[in-house]
Amino acid sequence: MEKQDSVSLLKECSAGSKMAISSIDDVLDKVQDPEMRQLLTESKSHHEKLCDEIHTLLTRHDSEEKNPHPIAKGISWVKTSMKMAMDDSDSTVANLMTDGCHMGVKSLHKYLNQYQSADHTSKDICSRLIDIEEHLCKELESYL
């Protein structure tokens, strides 16, 4: 049970990290404030490093990464495109990103509860991903 829960939790973290990277990529070229751009770039880098760790762990478990659900990714892209078309300010970017962070944190907590038998390493990865999301959300508050 521990291995199954560990793999399942890591797969959800993989999908969440990839979704975050994709969301940052969707808005990064529209950000006007250099400090905000740097903040998003650093967050993307943290997500990418975590994705690499997750990939390594899943490979050790003879399992593959999970991609974000195509419908969720598509809805996110449409929402971002529409909101940015109406108002392409840094405030809109911050609003979109904080919404995404909140959704991610909520989902990750759900998966931590769902996969309680996961090993310490997998739970630590999930907690670190939650920390990355919460940190980004906190840092973006001044742009709202």
Protein backbone atom coordinates (compact mmCIF):
# COMPACT_ATOMS: atom_id res chain seq x y z
CA MET A 1 0.00 0.00 0.00
CA GLU A 2 2.86 2.40 0.83
CA LYS A 3 4.41 2.10 -2.64
CA GLN A 4 1.05 2.54 -4.38
CA ASP A 5 0.20 5.64 -2.32
CA SER A 6 3.71 7.03 -2.81
CA VAL A 7 3.51 6.63 -6.58
CA SER A 8 0.00 8.11 -6.69
CA LEU A 9 1.04 11.13 -4.60
CA LEU A 10 4.15 11.69 -6.71
CA LYS A 11 2.09 11.52 -9.90
CA GLU A 12 -0.30 14.17 -8.60
CA CYS A 13 2.66 16.35 -7.61
CA SER A 14 4.09 15.85 -11.09
CA ALA A 15 0.86 16.98 -12.74
CA GLY A 16 0.57 19.95 -10.37
CA SER A 17 4.14 21.08 -11.00
CA LYS A 18 3.69 20.83 -14.75
CA MET A 19 0.44 22.79 -14.53
CA ALA A 20 2.21 25.53 -12.57
CA ILE A 21 5.05 25.71 -15.09
CA SER A 22 2.58 25.91 -17.97
CA SER A 23 0.57 28.63 -16.22
CA ILE A 24 3.67 30.70 -15.55
CA ASP A 25 4.73 30.29 -19.19
CA ASP A 26 1.28 31.52 -20.29
CA VAL A 27 1.73 34.88 -18.54
CA LEU A 28 5.47 35.48 -18.20
CA ASP A 29 5.92 37.44 -21.43
CA LYS A 30 3.03 39.74 -20.47
CA VAL A 31 4.50 40.78 -17.10
CA GLN A 32 5.71 44.38 -17.12
CA ASP A 33 7.31 44.72 -13.68
CA PRO A 34 10.87 43.28 -13.70
CA GLU A 35 10.65 42.18 -10.05
CA MET A 36 7.42 40.31 -10.70
CA ARG A 37 8.92 38.70 -13.79
CA GLN A 38 11.91 37.60 -11.68
CA LEU A 39 9.59 36.21 -8.98
CA LEU A 40 7.68 34.15 -11.53
CA THR A 41 10.89 32.98 -13.21
CA GLU A 42 12.29 31.82 -9.87
CA SER A 43 9.06 30.03 -9.01
CA LYS A 44 9.11 28.31 -12.39
CA SER A 45 12.68 27.20 -11.70
CA HIS A 46 11.68 25.77 -8.30
CA HIS A 47 8.84 23.86 -9.94
CA GLU A 48 11.17 22.52 -12.64
CA LYS A 49 13.69 21.30 -10.06
CA LEU A 50 10.94 19.57 -8.13
CA CYS A 51 9.69 17.99 -11.39
CA ASP A 52 13.18 16.56 -11.91
CA GLU A 53 13.18 15.07 -8.40
CA ILE A 54 9.72 13.62 -8.92
CA HIS A 55 10.79 12.12 -12.25
CA THR A 56 13.76 10.44 -10.57
CA LEU A 57 11.60 9.01 -7.78
CA LEU A 58 8.93 7.76 -10.16
CA THR A 59 11.61 6.10 -12.30
CA ARG A 60 12.88 4.29 -9.20
CA HIS A 61 9.32 3.04 -8.64
CA ASP A 62 9.11 1.90 -12.30
CA SER A 63 6.38 4.43 -12.93
CA GLU A 64 5.85 7.40 -15.22
CA GLU A 65 5.07 11.04 -14.62
CA LYS A 66 1.55 12.37 -14.90
CA ASN A 67 0.60 15.30 -17.08
CA PRO A 68 -2.09 17.80 -16.15
CA HIS A 69 -5.54 16.83 -17.38
CA PRO A 70 -5.92 18.31 -20.89
CA ILE A 71 -9.34 19.81 -20.08
CA ALA A 72 -8.02 21.51 -16.92
CA LYS A 73 -5.05 22.83 -18.86
CA GLY A 74 -7.31 24.06 -21.66
CA ILE A 75 -9.72 25.78 -19.29
CA SER A 76 -6.80 27.48 -17.55
CA TRP A 77 -5.43 28.71 -20.87
CA VAL A 78 -8.83 30.04 -22.01
CA LYS A 79 -9.40 31.82 -18.67
CA THR A 80 -5.93 33.36 -18.81
CA SER A 81 -6.32 34.43 -22.43
CA MET A 82 -9.73 36.01 -21.85
CA LYS A 83 -8.76 37.87 -18.69
CA MET A 84 -5.51 39.10 -20.21
CA ALA A 85 -7.38 40.26 -23.34
CA MET A 86 -9.64 42.41 -21.14
CA ASP A 87 -6.85 43.71 -18.88
CA ASP A 88 -3.22 42.79 -19.45
CA SER A 89 -1.92 44.41 -16.27
CA ASP A 90 0.40 42.86 -13.72
CA SER A 91 -2.53 42.92 -11.32
CA THR A 92 -4.46 40.58 -13.60
CA VAL A 93 -1.45 38.26 -13.81
CA ALA A 94 -1.14 38.28 -10.00
CA ASN A 95 -4.85 37.55 -9.67
CA LEU A 96 -4.68 34.62 -12.09
CA MET A 97 -1.55 33.20 -10.48
CA THR A 98 -2.85 33.46 -6.92
CA ASP A 99 -6.08 31.73 -7.98
CA GLY A 100 -3.98 28.94 -9.46
CA CYS A 101 -1.82 28.70 -6.34
CA HIS A 102 -4.87 28.42 -4.11
CA MET A 103 -6.35 25.68 -6.29
CA GLY A 104 -3.01 23.84 -6.31
CA VAL A 105 -2.56 24.03 -2.55
CA LYS A 106 -6.10 22.81 -1.98
CA SER A 107 -5.59 19.86 -4.33
CA LEU A 108 -2.22 18.95 -2.82
CA HIS A 109 -3.66 18.90 0.70
CA LYS A 110 -6.45 16.67 -0.60
CA TYR A 111 -3.89 14.26 -2.07
CA LEU A 112 -1.85 14.25 1.14
CA ASN A 113 -4.99 13.18 2.99
CA GLN A 114 -6.00 10.70 0.30
CA TYR A 115 -2.59 8.98 0.12
CA GLN A 116 -1.81 8.77 3.83
CA SER A 117 0.27 5.60 3.42
CA ALA A 118 2.76 7.34 1.10
CA ASP A 119 6.36 7.25 2.23
CA HIS A 120 8.06 10.19 3.94
CA THR A 121 9.96 11.21 0.80
CA SER A 122 6.78 11.51 -1.28
CA LYS A 123 4.99 13.45 1.46
CA ASP A 124 8.02 15.75 1.77
CA ILE A 125 7.95 16.46 -1.98
CA CYS A 126 4.26 17.31 -1.73
CA SER A 127 4.86 19.58 1.27
CA ARG A 128 7.67 21.34 -0.57
CA LEU A 129 5.40 21.91 -3.54
CA ILE A 130 2.77 23.36 -1.23
CA ASP A 131 5.44 25.67 0.24
CA ILE A 132 6.47 26.85 -3.24
CA GLU A 133 2.86 27.63 -4.11
CA GLU A 134 2.15 29.41 -0.83
CA HIS A 135 5.35 31.45 -1.13
CA LEU A 136 4.48 32.58 -4.65
CA CYS A 137 0.97 33.51 -3.56
CA LYS A 138 2.30 35.55 -0.63
CA GLU A 139 4.86 37.35 -2.82
CA LEU A 140 2.20 38.24 -5.41
CA GLU A 141 -0.08 39.91 -2.86
CA SER A 142 1.54 43.30 -3.40
CA TYR A 143 0.60 43.16 -7.10
CA LEU A 144 -3.12 42.53 -6.56
